Amino acid sequence: MTHSNQGATSPAQIFAAQLMASFAKLGVRQVFLAPGARSQALAIAAGQLAAAGLIDLHVHLDERSLGFNALGSALGSGEPSIIITTSGTAVANLHPSVLEASHSGLPLILLTADRPAELRGVGSNQTTNQVGIFGDAVRECVDVPAPTMDDVDEAGLREVSALAARTVSISLAWSRPAASPATDDLLRPGPVQLNLCFREPLSAAEPNAAQLKVSVALPERVQVEPRFAVLSASVPTVVLAGAGAGEHAVEFAESYGLPLLAEPSSGARYGSNAILHYRTLLADHSTLVGEIGRVVVYGKPTLGRAAIALLKREDVEVYVVRSATMGHFDVSRRAKAQVDELVFDDEVPFEWLAKWRHLDAAVVSSKTAGQLNRANIVREVWGATGGQDDLVLGASRMIREADAMAPAKAIRIFANRGLAGIDGTIATANGIALHNPEGTTRVLLGDLTLLHDAGSLAGDALGAQPANLQVIVVNDGGGSIFESLEMASQLETESFDRLFRTPQKVDIWGLAGAYGWQHQLVKTLDELRTALAGSGRVIIEIDLR
């Protein structure tokens, strides 16, 4: 029969062009590619679409960095990111970012190229079992057989477009994955893997994906029934806001006059109800803390042992507002209900919030005006960030310092708190910054978190680079976060340093120069303020050793 791909010599290229053109037609714009042979048809199609301005293409050498760059893009925009890799270890290197995306509810579309079925299990080069490699971290995994010329006729290409539509829909939680039971009424965005087998010839010059006329649309969105609960206003209640809580936690707390205990990555640490020193108050076991009879949880709290201990108190009711991104949360295994909306049966006594405000104001912060310490670093970074700016917090000591010292301020804050690892922090920030061309994206992290992802400083040398990206590294010569944990008092200093602190002596100035970044070493708060007011791609090193 006759179709637009007549004359093409590679079924792989016809399939790849139709698939990528369908994704572009569905509005998926961000595509992240690592070079490879088995995936060359997908890469060529992506290049054609990018040349026509139909997608934004980002190319990286390292798949691990690539995955977090795509994750950051999804985190910053809420839209799916496509990741293209070749076969073998390239796929395995995506695992950390796929896990984080799964636990954070971020839409990633993984196009993992593979050998055809006849080359599996026979020792073929760069071949391993990629089907199910991510386990339940993906919402769905589809093993797509290598296409033949018989598969890329008009009917077959319609199936390719339908596959693209279903993939996007599941990644956004519009459709129910095949493995999801019909009783599962909370669908969450997340990664979807298309494991795409290709036979030689692996590519061709035609068809041009940008010139294909595809007809494709997303299916109708699945509707879920919300859950409600009515609470007694007589029970003293606080709101605990963890990662991903957002403005809904603030609105709920302010609507009913409740104290708001908000982690910095919650996006809810602002407003008149925010109790900034809640970590200190909970740890001190004040009389007021003992009066708490109920906790309403938004998002995923991860930073404070005292907060988790509060959830485990047998005299405290726990209600969890379900998160469409962070998913199920019940670390105490005693939540009375997981709901979508809560209301009170009466007015909450104003005196309850007034007591918390009074106690919060009475907490005496250390008087360290003018000193270059962690508390003042947090204050300066918060003070410099506003308007169009974004702030990314690495999983290190500084996010905990921010939990204790950050002021109440409505700014856009991001953090990888799905699994709270230090993986890919710079790559994540780079992906977020792609969607913030007007403001400055700042990432506040420790030296080990920087070094763990140093390769992501390379970025996409030939593609678009965020204009203003500041990596603020608090260099204390290793993992000082472990000083507050049990092993610090149980081990001799030499053993503690070797096993946990892992001191490093990397020349960060040399590291910045090797990757083409500016570097500023600051030794005073005034120098920090000046550095934060700058522009460009810069590593701001604060040496606390």
Protein backbone atom coordinates (compact mmCIF):
# COMPACT_ATOMS: atom_id res chain seq x y z
CA MET A 1 0.00 0.00 0.00
CA THR A 2 1.04 3.64 -0.29
CA HIS A 3 1.80 5.80 2.74
CA SER A 4 3.98 8.78 3.63
CA ASN A 5 6.91 6.54 4.55
CA GLN A 6 7.17 4.77 1.19
CA GLY A 7 10.81 4.34 0.21
CA ALA A 8 12.18 4.29 3.75
CA THR A 9 14.54 1.35 4.27
CA SER A 10 14.44 1.04 8.06
CA PRO A 11 11.33 -0.08 9.97
CA ALA A 12 13.11 1.17 13.07
CA GLN A 13 13.26 4.69 11.62
CA ILE A 14 9.63 4.67 10.48
CA PHE A 15 8.51 3.51 13.93
CA ALA A 16 10.74 6.01 15.77
CA ALA A 17 9.63 8.93 13.59
CA GLN A 18 5.94 8.13 14.16
CA LEU A 19 6.43 7.68 17.89
CA MET A 20 8.41 10.88 18.43
CA ALA A 21 6.11 12.90 16.15
CA SER A 22 3.14 11.64 18.16
CA PHE A 23 4.74 12.70 21.45
CA ALA A 24 5.40 16.16 19.98
CA LYS A 25 1.80 16.38 18.73
CA LEU A 26 0.62 15.54 22.27
CA GLY A 27 2.58 18.52 23.59
CA VAL A 28 5.54 16.72 25.16
CA ARG A 29 8.30 19.20 24.48
CA GLN A 30 11.26 18.30 26.70
CA VAL A 31 13.40 15.46 25.34
CA PHE A 32 16.62 14.27 26.97
CA LEU A 33 19.03 12.14 24.98
CA ALA A 34 22.23 10.22 25.66
CA PRO A 35 24.01 9.05 22.49
CA GLY A 36 24.04 5.37 21.59
CA ALA A 37 23.88 2.99 18.65
CA ARG A 38 20.74 0.95 19.36
CA SER A 39 18.72 4.13 19.97
CA GLN A 40 19.92 5.97 16.86
CA ALA A 41 16.52 6.01 15.13
CA LEU A 42 14.95 7.73 18.15
CA ALA A 43 17.85 10.20 18.29
CA ILE A 44 17.52 11.07 14.59
CA ALA A 45 13.78 11.61 14.93
CA ALA A 46 14.31 13.79 18.00
CA GLY A 47 16.93 15.82 16.13
CA GLN A 48 14.54 16.39 13.24
CA LEU A 49 11.80 17.61 15.57
CA ALA A 50 14.22 19.87 17.45
CA ALA A 51 15.52 21.39 14.19
CA ALA A 52 11.94 22.29 13.30
CA GLY A 53 11.35 23.88 16.71
CA LEU A 54 8.77 21.28 17.72
CA ILE A 55 10.64 20.02 20.79
CA ASP A 56 13.49 21.13 23.04
CA LEU A 57 16.34 18.60 22.88
CA HIS A 58 18.98 18.21 25.60
CA VAL A 59 21.97 15.93 25.07
CA HIS A 60 24.17 14.52 27.86
CA LEU A 61 26.97 11.99 27.96
CA ASP A 62 26.03 10.43 31.29
CA GLU A 63 22.66 8.69 31.61
CA ARG A 64 22.60 9.08 35.38
CA SER A 65 22.93 12.85 35.05
CA LEU A 66 20.54 12.80 32.10
CA GLY A 67 17.84 11.14 34.20
CA PHE A 68 17.99 13.76 36.94
CA ASN A 69 18.11 16.58 34.40
CA ALA A 70 14.86 15.26 32.95
CA LEU A 71 13.46 14.82 36.47
CA GLY A 72 14.28 18.43 37.29
CA SER A 73 12.48 19.56 34.16
CA ALA A 74 9.37 17.61 35.17
CA LEU A 75 9.67 18.96 38.71
CA GLY A 76 9.90 22.55 37.50
CA SER A 77 7.17 22.36 34.85
CA GLY A 78 4.83 19.56 35.89
CA GLU A 79 5.02 18.29 32.30
CA PRO A 80 6.42 14.93 31.14
CA SER A 81 10.04 14.59 30.13
CA ILE A 82 11.15 12.02 27.56
CA ILE A 83 14.44 10.18 28.15
CA ILE A 84 16.13 8.30 25.30
CA THR A 85 18.91 5.79 25.99
CA THR A 86 20.64 2.93 24.27
CA SER A 87 20.65 -0.58 25.73
CA GLY A 88 22.59 -2.21 28.58
CA THR A 89 24.11 -0.25 31.44
CA ALA A 90 22.75 2.95 29.92
CA VAL A 91 19.31 1.87 31.09
CA ALA A 92 20.53 0.82 34.54
CA ASN A 93 22.08 4.25 35.07
CA LEU A 94 18.58 5.75 35.03
CA HIS A 95 17.53 3.79 38.10
CA PRO A 96 18.23 6.47 40.77
CA SER A 97 16.24 9.13 38.93
CA VAL A 98 13.44 6.69 38.13
CA LEU A 99 13.15 5.79 41.83
CA GLU A 100 13.04 9.44 42.84
CA ALA A 101 10.48 10.24 40.15
CA SER A 102 8.32 7.33 41.27
CA HIS A 103 8.31 8.36 44.92
CA SER A 104 7.86 12.06 44.05
CA GLY A 105 5.14 11.50 41.47
CA LEU A 106 6.96 13.02 38.51
CA PRO A 107 6.08 12.16 34.89
CA LEU A 108 9.03 10.62 33.05
CA ILE A 109 8.76 8.72 29.76
CA LEU A 110 11.64 6.27 29.36
CA LEU A 111 12.41 5.17 25.82
CA THR A 112 14.97 2.44 26.38
CA ALA A 113 16.30 0.91 23.18
CA ASP A 114 16.90 -2.84 23.22
CA ARG A 115 18.03 -5.79 21.13
CA PRO A 116 15.31 -7.86 19.46
CA ALA A 117 14.05 -11.01 21.15
CA GLU A 118 16.35 -13.35 19.20
CA LEU A 119 19.45 -11.62 20.64
CA ARG A 120 18.39 -11.94 24.28
CA GLY A 121 19.97 -14.60 26.47
CA VAL A 122 22.67 -15.52 23.94
CA GLY A 123 25.46 -13.22 25.09
CA SER A 124 24.83 -10.49 22.56
CA ASN A 125 26.78 -7.30 23.19
CA GLN A 126 25.17 -4.68 25.47
CA THR A 127 22.21 -6.94 26.13
CA THR A 128 20.60 -7.60 29.49
CA ASN A 129 17.06 -8.07 30.72
CA GLN A 130 15.65 -4.56 30.53
CA VAL A 131 12.05 -5.65 30.95
CA GLY A 132 11.16 -5.07 34.58
CA ILE A 133 14.59 -3.63 35.36
CA PHE A 134 12.91 -0.81 37.32
CA GLY A 135 10.48 -3.09 39.14
CA ASP A 136 7.47 -1.29 40.57
CA ALA A 137 9.21 2.09 40.26
CA VAL A 138 7.55 2.53 36.87
CA ARG A 139 3.79 2.85 36.54
CA GLU A 140 3.92 0.60 33.49
CA CYS A 141 6.58 -1.19 31.42
CA VAL A 142 5.78 -2.10 27.81
CA ASP A 143 8.14 -4.39 25.92
CA VAL A 144 7.65 -3.39 22.27
CA PRO A 145 8.82 -5.98 19.71
CA ALA A 146 11.16 -4.89 16.94
CA PRO A 147 9.05 -3.49 14.11
CA THR A 148 9.06 -4.99 10.62
CA MET A 149 7.84 -3.43 7.39
CA ASP A 150 4.53 -5.23 7.94
CA ASP A 151 4.15 -3.42 11.29
CA VAL A 152 4.55 0.11 9.92
CA ASP A 153 1.63 0.23 7.53
CA GLU A 154 -1.17 2.72 8.09
CA ALA A 155 -2.87 0.64 10.77
CA GLY A 156 0.40 -0.12 12.51
CA LEU A 157 1.34 3.55 12.67
CA ARG A 158 -2.01 4.37 14.25
CA GLU A 159 -1.13 1.86 16.95
CA VAL A 160 2.22 3.58 17.48
CA SER A 161 0.44 6.90 18.00
CA ALA A 162 -2.03 5.26 20.38
CA LEU A 163 0.91 3.84 22.35
CA ALA A 164 2.35 7.35 22.68
CA ALA A 165 -0.99 8.73 23.88
CA ARG A 166 -1.43 5.99 26.47
CA THR A 167 2.14 6.48 27.71
CA VAL A 168 1.68 10.22 28.23
CA SER A 169 -1.70 9.67 29.86
CA ILE A 170 -0.35 7.15 32.38
CA SER A 171 2.70 9.29 33.17
CA LEU A 172 0.35 12.17 34.05
CA ALA A 173 -2.06 9.88 35.97
CA TRP A 174 -4.84 10.53 33.50
CA SER A 175 -5.23 6.81 32.80
CA ARG A 176 -5.02 3.73 34.99
CA PRO A 177 -1.98 1.49 34.39
CA ALA A 178 -2.78 -2.07 33.39
CA ALA A 179 -1.33 -3.39 36.66
CA SER A 180 -3.36 -0.96 38.78
CA PRO A 181 -6.41 -2.56 40.42
CA ALA A 182 -9.76 -1.01 39.66
CA THR A 183 -10.14 -0.33 43.38
CA ASP A 184 -7.08 1.93 43.38
CA ASP A 185 -8.73 5.35 43.48
CA LEU A 186 -5.55 7.41 43.84
CA LEU A 187 -3.64 7.60 40.57
CA ARG A 188 -0.24 9.28 40.73
CA PRO A 189 1.99 10.63 37.97
CA GLY A 190 5.25 8.78 37.51
CA PRO A 191 7.68 7.08 35.15
CA VAL A 192 6.54 4.87 32.26
CA GLN A 193 8.99 2.67 30.36
CA LEU A 194 8.70 1.76 26.69
CA ASN A 195 11.36 -0.87 26.05
CA LEU A 196 11.80 -0.56 22.30
CA CYS A 197 13.43 -3.38 20.39
CA PHE A 198 15.10 -2.54 17.08
CA ARG A 199 16.70 -4.69 14.36
CA GLU A 200 19.23 -3.59 11.78
CA PRO A 201 19.16 -1.44 9.78
CA LEU A 202 18.87 0.73 12.88
CA SER A 203 18.25 4.04 11.11
CA ALA A 204 17.66 5.86 7.84
CA ALA A 205 17.50 9.44 6.63
CA GLU A 206 13.76 9.18 6.04
CA PRO A 207 11.05 9.75 7.11
CA ASN A 208 11.52 13.19 8.64
CA ALA A 209 9.58 13.13 11.91
CA ALA A 210 8.97 16.87 11.71
CA GLN A 211 7.11 16.46 8.41
CA LEU A 212 4.76 13.67 9.45
CA LYS A 213 1.05 14.42 9.76
CA VAL A 214 -0.07 12.49 12.80
CA SER A 215 -3.50 12.45 14.38
CA VAL A 216 -3.40 11.67 18.08
CA ALA A 217 -5.05 12.87 21.28
CA LEU A 218 -5.02 11.97 24.94
CA PRO A 219 -7.83 9.76 26.21
CA GLU A 220 -10.42 11.16 28.56
CA ARG A 221 -9.09 11.60 32.06
CA VAL A 222 -10.11 9.04 34.68
CA GLN A 223 -12.13 10.65 37.48
CA VAL A 224 -11.62 9.58 41.08
CA GLU A 225 -14.02 9.98 43.96
CA PRO A 226 -12.67 12.35 46.65
CA ARG A 227 -12.65 11.34 50.31
CA PHE A 228 -13.85 13.72 53.02
CA ALA A 229 -13.75 13.82 56.80
CA VAL A 230 -15.31 16.08 59.44
CA LEU A 231 -13.16 16.84 62.48
CA SER A 232 -14.10 17.93 65.96
CA ALA A 233 -12.89 21.47 66.62
CA SER A 234 -12.44 20.63 70.31
CA VAL A 235 -9.29 18.56 69.66
CA PRO A 236 -6.11 20.72 69.64
CA THR A 237 -4.77 20.34 66.10
CA VAL A 238 -1.57 21.25 64.27
CA VAL A 239 -0.79 21.03 60.55
CA LEU A 240 2.45 19.29 59.59
CA ALA A 241 3.57 20.14 56.05
CA GLY A 242 6.23 18.02 54.37
CA ALA A 243 7.68 17.94 50.87
CA GLY A 244 5.09 18.65 48.21
CA ALA A 245 2.49 20.08 50.60
CA GLY A 246 2.20 23.39 48.78
CA GLU A 247 -0.27 26.20 49.25
CA HIS A 248 -3.12 23.88 50.25
CA ALA A 249 -1.51 23.33 53.65
CA VAL A 250 -1.28 27.10 54.17
CA GLU A 251 -4.89 27.63 53.09
CA PHE A 252 -6.16 24.92 55.43
CA ALA A 253 -4.15 26.19 58.42
CA GLU A 254 -5.21 29.79 57.89
CA SER A 255 -8.85 28.92 57.21
CA TYR A 256 -9.22 27.27 60.63
CA GLY A 257 -6.61 29.14 62.68
CA LEU A 258 -4.20 26.23 63.12
CA PRO A 259 -0.45 26.27 63.82
CA LEU A 260 1.49 25.35 60.67
CA LEU A 261 4.69 23.32 61.10
CA ALA A 262 6.22 23.50 57.63
CA GLU A 263 9.45 22.02 56.34
CA PRO A 264 11.35 24.26 53.89
CA SER A 265 10.78 21.87 50.97
CA SER A 266 7.03 21.89 51.61
CA GLY A 267 6.37 25.09 49.69
CA ALA A 268 4.18 26.02 52.65
CA ARG A 269 6.62 27.84 54.93
CA TYR A 270 4.94 31.21 54.80
CA GLY A 271 1.96 33.10 56.13
CA SER A 272 0.99 34.25 59.60
CA ASN A 273 0.32 30.74 60.92
CA ALA A 274 3.82 29.38 60.22
CA ILE A 275 5.59 28.32 63.43
CA LEU A 276 9.22 28.73 62.41
CA HIS A 277 10.89 27.15 65.46
CA TYR A 278 8.66 24.10 65.59
CA ARG A 279 11.67 21.75 65.59
CA THR A 280 12.92 23.31 68.80
CA LEU A 281 9.47 23.31 70.38
CA LEU A 282 8.80 19.67 69.53
CA ALA A 283 12.23 18.56 70.74
CA ASP A 284 11.83 20.44 74.04
CA HIS A 285 8.58 18.59 74.83
CA SER A 286 6.92 21.75 76.10
CA THR A 287 3.56 21.63 77.86
CA LEU A 288 1.94 22.98 74.71
CA VAL A 289 3.36 20.12 72.66
CA GLY A 290 1.85 17.71 75.16
CA GLU A 291 -1.57 19.25 74.52
CA ILE A 292 -1.55 18.31 70.82
CA GLY A 293 -4.37 15.88 70.18
CA ARG A 294 -4.37 15.76 66.40
CA VAL A 295 -1.95 16.19 63.49
CA VAL A 296 -3.11 16.85 59.94
CA VAL A 297 -0.36 15.89 57.48
CA TYR A 298 0.17 17.42 54.07
CA GLY A 299 2.90 16.16 51.77
CA LYS A 300 5.75 13.95 52.97
CA PRO A 301 7.57 15.04 56.16
CA THR A 302 11.15 13.74 56.14
CA LEU A 303 13.41 16.05 58.13
CA GLY A 304 12.72 15.82 61.85
CA ARG A 305 12.72 12.87 64.23
CA ALA A 306 10.66 14.87 66.71
CA ALA A 307 7.94 15.41 64.11
CA ILE A 308 7.82 11.70 63.30
CA ALA A 309 7.73 10.90 67.01
CA LEU A 310 4.70 13.17 67.33
CA LEU A 311 2.88 11.11 64.70
CA LYS A 312 3.59 7.95 66.70
CA ARG A 313 2.18 9.25 69.98
CA GLU A 314 -0.77 7.06 70.94
CA ASP A 315 -2.70 10.04 72.30
CA VAL A 316 -2.49 11.91 68.96
CA GLU A 317 -4.93 11.41 66.08
CA VAL A 318 -3.33 11.44 62.64
CA TYR A 319 -5.18 12.48 59.48
CA VAL A 320 -3.31 12.45 56.19
CA VAL A 321 -4.38 14.56 53.24
CA ARG A 322 -3.57 12.40 50.25
CA SER A 323 -0.87 13.69 47.93
CA ALA A 324 -1.28 13.25 44.20
CA THR A 325 2.51 13.28 43.89
CA MET A 326 4.09 11.95 47.08
CA GLY A 327 1.52 9.20 47.48
CA HIS A 328 0.67 7.15 50.55
CA PHE A 329 2.10 8.42 53.85
CA ASP A 330 1.53 6.76 57.20
CA VAL A 331 4.89 6.21 58.90
CA SER A 332 3.19 5.63 62.25
CA ARG A 333 0.83 3.02 60.73
CA ARG A 334 -1.98 4.53 62.76
CA ALA A 335 -3.52 7.24 60.59
CA LYS A 336 -7.27 7.41 61.22
CA ALA A 337 -7.93 8.31 57.61
CA GLN A 338 -6.34 9.19 54.28
CA VAL A 339 -8.55 11.89 52.79
CA ASP A 340 -8.68 14.56 50.13
CA GLU A 341 -10.44 17.27 52.12
CA LEU A 342 -11.09 18.06 55.77
CA VAL A 343 -13.56 20.37 57.50
CA PHE A 344 -14.20 21.21 61.15
CA ASP A 345 -17.58 20.96 62.83
CA ASP A 346 -17.15 24.27 64.64
CA GLU A 347 -14.79 27.20 65.05
CA VAL A 348 -11.32 26.36 66.36
CA PRO A 349 -10.49 28.37 69.51
CA PHE A 350 -8.15 31.21 68.56
CA GLU A 351 -6.26 30.81 71.83
CA TRP A 352 -4.64 27.63 70.50
CA LEU A 353 -2.84 29.42 67.67
CA ALA A 354 -2.05 32.39 69.93
CA LYS A 355 -0.24 30.10 72.37
CA TRP A 356 1.91 28.67 69.58
CA ARG A 357 2.76 32.10 68.23
CA HIS A 358 3.77 33.25 71.70
CA LEU A 359 5.97 30.21 72.27
CA ASP A 360 7.51 30.53 68.80
CA ALA A 361 8.39 34.18 69.41
CA ALA A 362 9.99 33.27 72.73
CA VAL A 363 12.55 30.93 71.15
CA VAL A 364 15.89 32.69 71.34
CA SER A 365 18.00 32.27 68.23
CA SER A 366 21.74 32.31 68.63
CA LYS A 367 23.15 35.84 68.39
CA THR A 368 25.58 35.49 65.53
CA ALA A 369 25.10 38.72 63.62
CA GLY A 370 27.84 39.20 61.07
CA GLN A 371 29.24 35.67 61.34
CA LEU A 372 29.58 33.42 58.33
CA ASN A 373 27.79 30.38 59.74
CA ARG A 374 25.08 28.03 58.50
CA ALA A 375 22.21 29.93 60.09
CA ASN A 376 23.21 33.21 58.47
CA ILE A 377 23.91 31.49 55.15
CA VAL A 378 20.30 30.28 55.16
CA ARG A 379 19.02 33.75 56.00
CA GLU A 380 21.06 35.36 53.22
CA VAL A 381 20.01 32.83 50.58
CA TRP A 382 16.35 33.25 51.56
CA GLY A 383 16.72 37.01 51.54
CA ALA A 384 18.23 37.03 48.06
CA THR A 385 15.61 34.68 46.58
CA GLY A 386 12.26 36.01 45.45
CA GLY A 387 10.19 37.03 42.46
CA GLN A 388 11.15 34.85 39.49
CA ASP A 389 13.87 33.00 41.40
CA ASP A 390 13.90 29.29 42.26
CA LEU A 391 15.68 27.59 45.14
CA VAL A 392 16.76 23.94 45.13
CA LEU A 393 17.80 22.30 48.38
CA GLY A 394 20.23 19.39 48.38
CA ALA A 395 19.79 16.46 50.74
CA SER A 396 22.51 17.48 53.17
CA ARG A 397 22.92 19.29 56.45
CA MET A 398 21.83 22.60 54.95
CA ILE A 399 18.21 21.56 54.34
CA ARG A 400 17.99 20.77 58.05
CA GLU A 401 19.55 24.11 58.90
CA ALA A 402 16.90 25.69 56.71
CA ASP A 403 14.21 23.77 58.58
CA ALA A 404 15.44 25.37 61.77
CA MET A 405 16.38 28.85 60.55
CA ALA A 406 14.58 29.76 57.31
CA PRO A 407 12.17 32.68 57.63
CA ALA A 408 8.54 32.58 56.55
CA LYS A 409 8.62 33.55 52.89
CA ALA A 410 6.66 32.45 49.84
CA ILE A 411 9.31 31.40 47.35
CA ARG A 412 9.50 28.55 44.85
CA ILE A 413 11.45 25.78 46.56
CA PHE A 414 12.33 22.36 45.18
CA ALA A 415 14.03 19.31 46.64
CA ASN A 416 14.31 15.62 45.80
CA ARG A 417 12.51 14.32 48.89
CA GLY A 418 10.87 11.26 47.35
CA LEU A 419 13.83 9.22 48.54
CA ALA A 420 15.83 12.13 50.00
CA GLY A 421 19.09 11.08 48.37
CA ILE A 422 21.96 13.33 47.37
CA ASP A 423 21.88 11.90 43.85
CA GLY A 424 21.67 14.24 40.90
CA THR A 425 21.13 17.50 42.75
CA ILE A 426 22.97 19.68 40.22
CA ALA A 427 21.32 17.91 37.29
CA THR A 428 17.91 18.40 38.93
CA ALA A 429 18.59 22.11 39.42
CA ASN A 430 19.73 22.38 35.82
CA GLY A 431 16.45 20.85 34.66
CA ILE A 432 14.42 23.21 36.84
CA ALA A 433 16.39 26.18 35.53
CA LEU A 434 15.42 25.30 31.95
CA HIS A 435 11.95 26.62 32.79
CA ASN A 436 13.16 29.78 34.50
CA PRO A 437 14.88 31.95 31.87
CA GLU A 438 14.01 35.23 33.61
CA GLY A 439 15.07 34.54 37.19
CA THR A 440 17.98 32.94 39.01
CA THR A 441 17.96 29.30 40.05
CA ARG A 442 19.97 28.68 43.19
CA VAL A 443 20.91 25.30 44.60
CA LEU A 444 22.08 25.13 48.22
CA LEU A 445 24.06 22.00 49.05
CA GLY A 446 27.05 20.53 50.86
CA ASP A 447 30.42 19.60 49.43
CA LEU A 448 29.73 15.86 49.25
CA THR A 449 26.43 16.47 47.45
CA LEU A 450 28.31 18.63 44.94
CA LEU A 451 30.99 16.02 44.33
CA HIS A 452 28.44 13.22 44.04
CA ASP A 453 27.01 14.97 40.97
CA ALA A 454 30.05 16.88 39.69
CA GLY A 455 29.68 15.36 36.23
CA SER A 456 26.41 17.24 35.79
CA LEU A 457 28.36 20.50 35.67
CA ALA A 458 29.15 19.57 32.05
CA GLY A 459 25.56 20.13 30.93
CA ASP A 460 24.69 20.19 27.24
CA ALA A 461 27.65 21.97 25.66
CA LEU A 462 25.91 22.49 22.30
CA GLY A 463 22.39 23.08 23.59
CA ALA A 464 20.54 25.65 25.64
CA GLN A 465 22.08 26.37 29.04
CA PRO A 466 20.29 28.15 31.88
CA ALA A 467 21.59 31.70 31.97
CA ASN A 468 21.62 32.14 35.74
CA LEU A 469 22.40 29.10 37.86
CA GLN A 470 24.14 29.48 41.22
CA VAL A 471 25.51 26.41 42.99
CA ILE A 472 26.04 27.48 46.60
CA VAL A 473 28.25 24.86 48.23
CA VAL A 474 28.82 24.94 51.99
CA ASN A 475 32.19 23.24 52.18
CA ASP A 476 32.81 21.75 55.63
CA GLY A 477 35.20 19.10 54.39
CA GLY A 478 32.88 16.09 54.42
CA GLY A 479 29.64 14.79 55.82
CA SER A 480 29.15 16.90 58.94
CA ILE A 481 25.46 15.91 58.92
CA PHE A 482 26.48 12.66 60.61
CA GLU A 483 27.76 14.52 63.68
CA SER A 484 24.22 14.63 65.06
CA LEU A 485 23.60 10.89 64.76
CA GLU A 486 24.27 8.04 67.18
CA MET A 487 27.54 6.80 65.71
CA ALA A 488 29.26 10.14 66.35
CA SER A 489 29.34 9.44 70.09
CA GLN A 490 30.08 5.74 69.72
CA LEU A 491 33.21 5.85 67.56
CA GLU A 492 36.68 7.24 67.92
CA THR A 493 37.28 10.33 65.82
CA GLU A 494 39.52 8.50 63.34
CA SER A 495 36.94 5.77 62.74
CA PHE A 496 34.07 8.25 62.54
CA ASP A 497 35.89 10.36 59.95
CA ARG A 498 36.86 7.35 57.86
CA LEU A 499 33.48 5.64 57.89
CA PHE A 500 31.05 8.57 57.90
CA ARG A 501 32.50 12.05 57.54
CA THR A 502 34.55 10.98 54.50
CA PRO A 503 36.66 14.15 54.38
CA GLN A 504 37.55 15.47 50.92
CA LYS A 505 40.19 17.87 49.68
CA VAL A 506 38.90 18.55 46.19
CA ASP A 507 39.90 21.92 44.74
CA ILE A 508 36.45 23.29 43.93
CA TRP A 509 37.98 26.29 42.13
CA GLY A 510 39.79 23.85 39.83
CA LEU A 511 36.63 21.78 39.43
CA ALA A 512 34.61 24.83 38.39
CA GLY A 513 37.25 25.87 35.88
CA ALA A 514 37.43 22.41 34.36
CA TYR A 515 33.74 22.57 33.52
CA GLY A 516 33.74 26.22 32.43
CA TRP A 517 31.92 27.63 35.46
CA GLN A 518 32.70 30.83 37.31
CA HIS A 519 33.91 30.36 40.88
CA GLN A 520 33.63 32.69 43.84
CA LEU A 521 35.10 31.93 47.24
CA VAL A 522 33.33 33.93 49.94
CA LYS A 523 34.71 34.49 53.43
CA THR A 524 32.26 37.04 54.82
CA LEU A 525 28.52 37.67 54.75
CA ASP A 526 29.09 40.81 52.71
CA GLU A 527 30.94 38.77 50.09
CA LEU A 528 28.09 36.25 50.09
CA ARG A 529 25.51 38.98 49.51
CA THR A 530 27.54 40.31 46.59
CA ALA A 531 27.92 36.84 45.09
CA LEU A 532 24.20 36.10 45.38
CA ALA A 533 23.42 39.32 43.52
CA GLY A 534 25.54 38.21 40.56
CA SER A 535 24.55 36.40 37.39
CA GLY A 536 25.75 33.58 35.16
CA ARG A 537 26.66 29.99 35.91
CA VAL A 538 28.71 30.16 39.08
CA ILE A 539 29.81 27.99 41.98
CA ILE A 540 29.76 30.02 45.17
CA GLU A 541 32.00 28.22 47.64
CA ILE A 542 31.60 28.94 51.35
CA ASP A 543 34.51 27.37 53.22
CA LEU A 544 33.55 26.44 56.79
CA ARG A 545 36.46 24.05 57.39
